[in-house]
C-alpha atoms as a PDB file:
ATOM      1  CA  MET A   1     -77.801-167.666-145.520  1.00  0.00           C
ATOM      2  CA  VAL A   2     -75.494-164.653-145.216  1.00  0.00           C
ATOM      3  CA  GLY A   3     -75.986-161.180-146.607  1.00  0.00           C
ATOM      4  CA  PRO A   4     -75.690-157.474-146.003  1.00  0.00           C
ATOM      5  CA  GLY A   5     -78.051-155.773-143.598  1.00  0.00           C
ATOM      6  CA  VAL A   6     -78.989-152.343-142.332  1.00  0.00           C
ATOM      7  CA  GLY A   7     -80.306-151.816-138.830  1.00  0.00           C
ATOM      8  CA  PHE A   8     -82.140-148.781-137.451  1.00  0.00           C
ATOM      9  CA  TYR A   9     -82.342-148.504-133.668  1.00  0.00           C
ATOM     10  CA  LYS A  10     -84.343-146.107-131.499  1.00  0.00           C
ATOM     11  CA  TYR A  11     -84.649-146.356-127.738  1.00  0.00           C
ATOM     12  CA  LYS A  12     -86.654-143.917-125.637  1.00  0.00           C
ATOM     13  CA  ALA A  13     -86.446-143.638-121.878  1.00  0.00           C
ATOM     14  CA  SER A  14     -88.760-141.437-119.845  1.00  0.00           C
ATOM     15  CA  PHE A  15     -89.379-140.720-116.210  1.00  0.00           C
ATOM     16  CA  THR A  16     -92.949-140.257-115.010  1.00  0.00           C
ATOM     17  CA  GLY A  17     -94.491-139.191-111.773  1.00  0.00           C
ATOM     18  CA  ASP A  18     -93.282-136.772-109.143  1.00  0.00           C
ATOM     19  CA  VAL A  19     -89.799-138.186-108.695  1.00  0.00           C
ATOM     20  CA  GLY A  20     -87.851-134.911-108.770  1.00  0.00           C
ATOM     21  CA  ILE A  21     -84.783-136.247-110.600  1.00  0.00           C
ATOM     22  CA  SER A  22     -82.110-133.660-111.309  1.00  0.00           C
ATOM     23  CA  ALA A  23     -80.494-133.311-114.726  1.00  0.00           C
ATOM     24  CA  ALA A  24     -77.221-134.799-113.436  1.00  0.00           C
ATOM     25  CA  ASN A  25     -79.032-137.823-112.032  1.00  0.00           C
ATOM     26  CA  LYS A  26     -80.901-138.287-115.324  1.00  0.00           C
ATOM     27  CA  GLU A  27     -77.585-138.382-117.177  1.00  0.00           C
ATOM     28  CA  GLN A  28     -76.305-141.056-114.793  1.00  0.00           C
ATOM     29  CA  LEU A  29     -79.497-143.091-115.227  1.00  0.00           C
ATOM     30  CA  TYR A  30     -79.316-142.780-119.018  1.00  0.00           C
ATOM     31  CA  GLU A  31     -75.697-143.942-119.000  1.00  0.00           C
ATOM     32  CA  ALA A  32     -76.567-146.903-116.740  1.00  0.00           C
ATOM     33  CA  LEU A  33     -79.459-147.800-119.070  1.00  0.00           C
ATOM     34  CA  LYS A  34     -77.156-147.659-122.094  1.00  0.00           C
ATOM     35  CA  GLN A  35     -74.674-149.962-120.348  1.00  0.00           C
ATOM     36  CA  ARG A  36     -77.469-152.374-119.448  1.00  0.00           C
ATOM     37  CA  ILE A  37     -78.710-152.488-123.058  1.00  0.00           C
ATOM     38  CA  THR A  38     -75.200-153.183-124.367  1.00  0.00           C
ATOM     39  CA  GLN A  39     -74.737-155.972-121.802  1.00  0.00           C
ATOM     40  CA  ARG A  40     -78.095-157.556-122.613  1.00  0.00           C
ATOM     41  CA  PHE A  41     -77.827-157.537-126.407  1.00  0.00           C
ATOM     42  CA  PRO A  42     -74.547-158.713-127.985  1.00  0.00           C
ATOM     43  CA  GLY A  43     -73.123-156.326-130.540  1.00  0.00           C
ATOM     44  CA  MET A  44     -74.944-153.257-129.242  1.00  0.00           C
ATOM     45  CA  ASN A  45     -71.734-151.963-127.674  1.00  0.00           C
ATOM     46  CA  PHE A  46     -70.446-151.523-131.243  1.00  0.00           C
ATOM     47  CA  VAL A  47     -73.668-149.826-132.404  1.00  0.00           C
ATOM     48  CA  PHE A  48     -73.856-147.447-129.408  1.00  0.00           C
ATOM     49  CA  SER A  49     -70.106-146.854-129.061  1.00  0.00           C
ATOM     50  CA  ASP A  50     -70.240-143.133-129.856  1.00  0.00           C
ATOM     51  CA  LYS A  51     -73.929-142.406-129.159  1.00  0.00           C
ATOM     52  CA  SER A  52     -75.668-141.113-126.052  1.00  0.00           C
ATOM     53  CA  PHE A  53     -79.208-140.255-124.965  1.00  0.00           C
ATOM     54  CA  ASP A  54     -80.333-136.737-125.852  1.00  0.00           C
ATOM     55  CA  ALA A  55     -82.165-134.363-123.470  1.00  0.00           C
ATOM     56  CA  ASP A  56     -85.516-136.042-124.245  1.00  0.00           C
ATOM     57  CA  GLY A  57     -84.191-139.502-123.378  1.00  0.00           C
ATOM     58  CA  VAL A  58     -83.966-140.763-126.965  1.00  0.00           C
ATOM     59  CA  ILE A  59     -81.046-142.524-128.600  1.00  0.00           C
ATOM     60  CA  LYS A  60     -81.181-143.156-132.358  1.00  0.00           C
ATOM     61  CA  THR A  61     -78.606-144.779-134.563  1.00  0.00           C
ATOM     62  CA  SER A  62     -78.219-146.946-137.627  1.00  0.00           C
ATOM     63  CA  ASP A  63     -75.598-149.448-138.655  1.00  0.00           C
ATOM     64  CA  VAL A  64     -74.561-151.449-141.701  1.00  0.00           C
ATOM     65  CA  GLY A  65     -73.276-154.985-141.351  1.00  0.00           C
ATOM     66  CA  TYR A  66     -73.815-158.604-142.198  1.00  0.00           C
ATOM     67  CA  ARG A  67     -76.738-160.725-141.134  1.00  0.00           C
ATOM     68  CA  TYR A  68     -76.829-164.472-141.050  1.00  0.00           C
ATOM     69  CA  ILE A  69     -79.446-167.101-140.396  1.00  0.00           C
ATOM     70  CA  ILE A  70     -79.486-170.871-140.095  1.00  0.00           C
ATOM     71  CA  HIS A  71     -82.663-172.876-140.636  1.00  0.00           C
ATOM     72  CA  ILE A  72     -83.040-176.406-139.336  1.00  0.00           C
ATOM     73  CA  GLY A  73     -86.103-178.377-140.269  1.00  0.00           C
ATOM     74  CA  TYR A  74     -87.562-181.840-140.522  1.00  0.00           C
ATOM     75  CA  ALA A  75     -89.926-183.052-143.240  1.00  0.00           C
ATOM     76  CA  PHE A  76     -92.526-185.713-142.476  1.00  0.00           C
END
């Protein structure tokens, strides 16, 4: 089955504890996290191509595309 689809994505990253991370280091960590997400999930590099984490560590985006599914079954 093939058809149109809309996807809404929201990722939130936060740092807890007394780690004392500077703003520049947070930006580097957010960028590394974004790269890791795009490596782990195929197609996310297209979705996150022009997006970045905001100051609160949240990245939100939506995308329109095609979805497909294949079902394989066996009847007894």
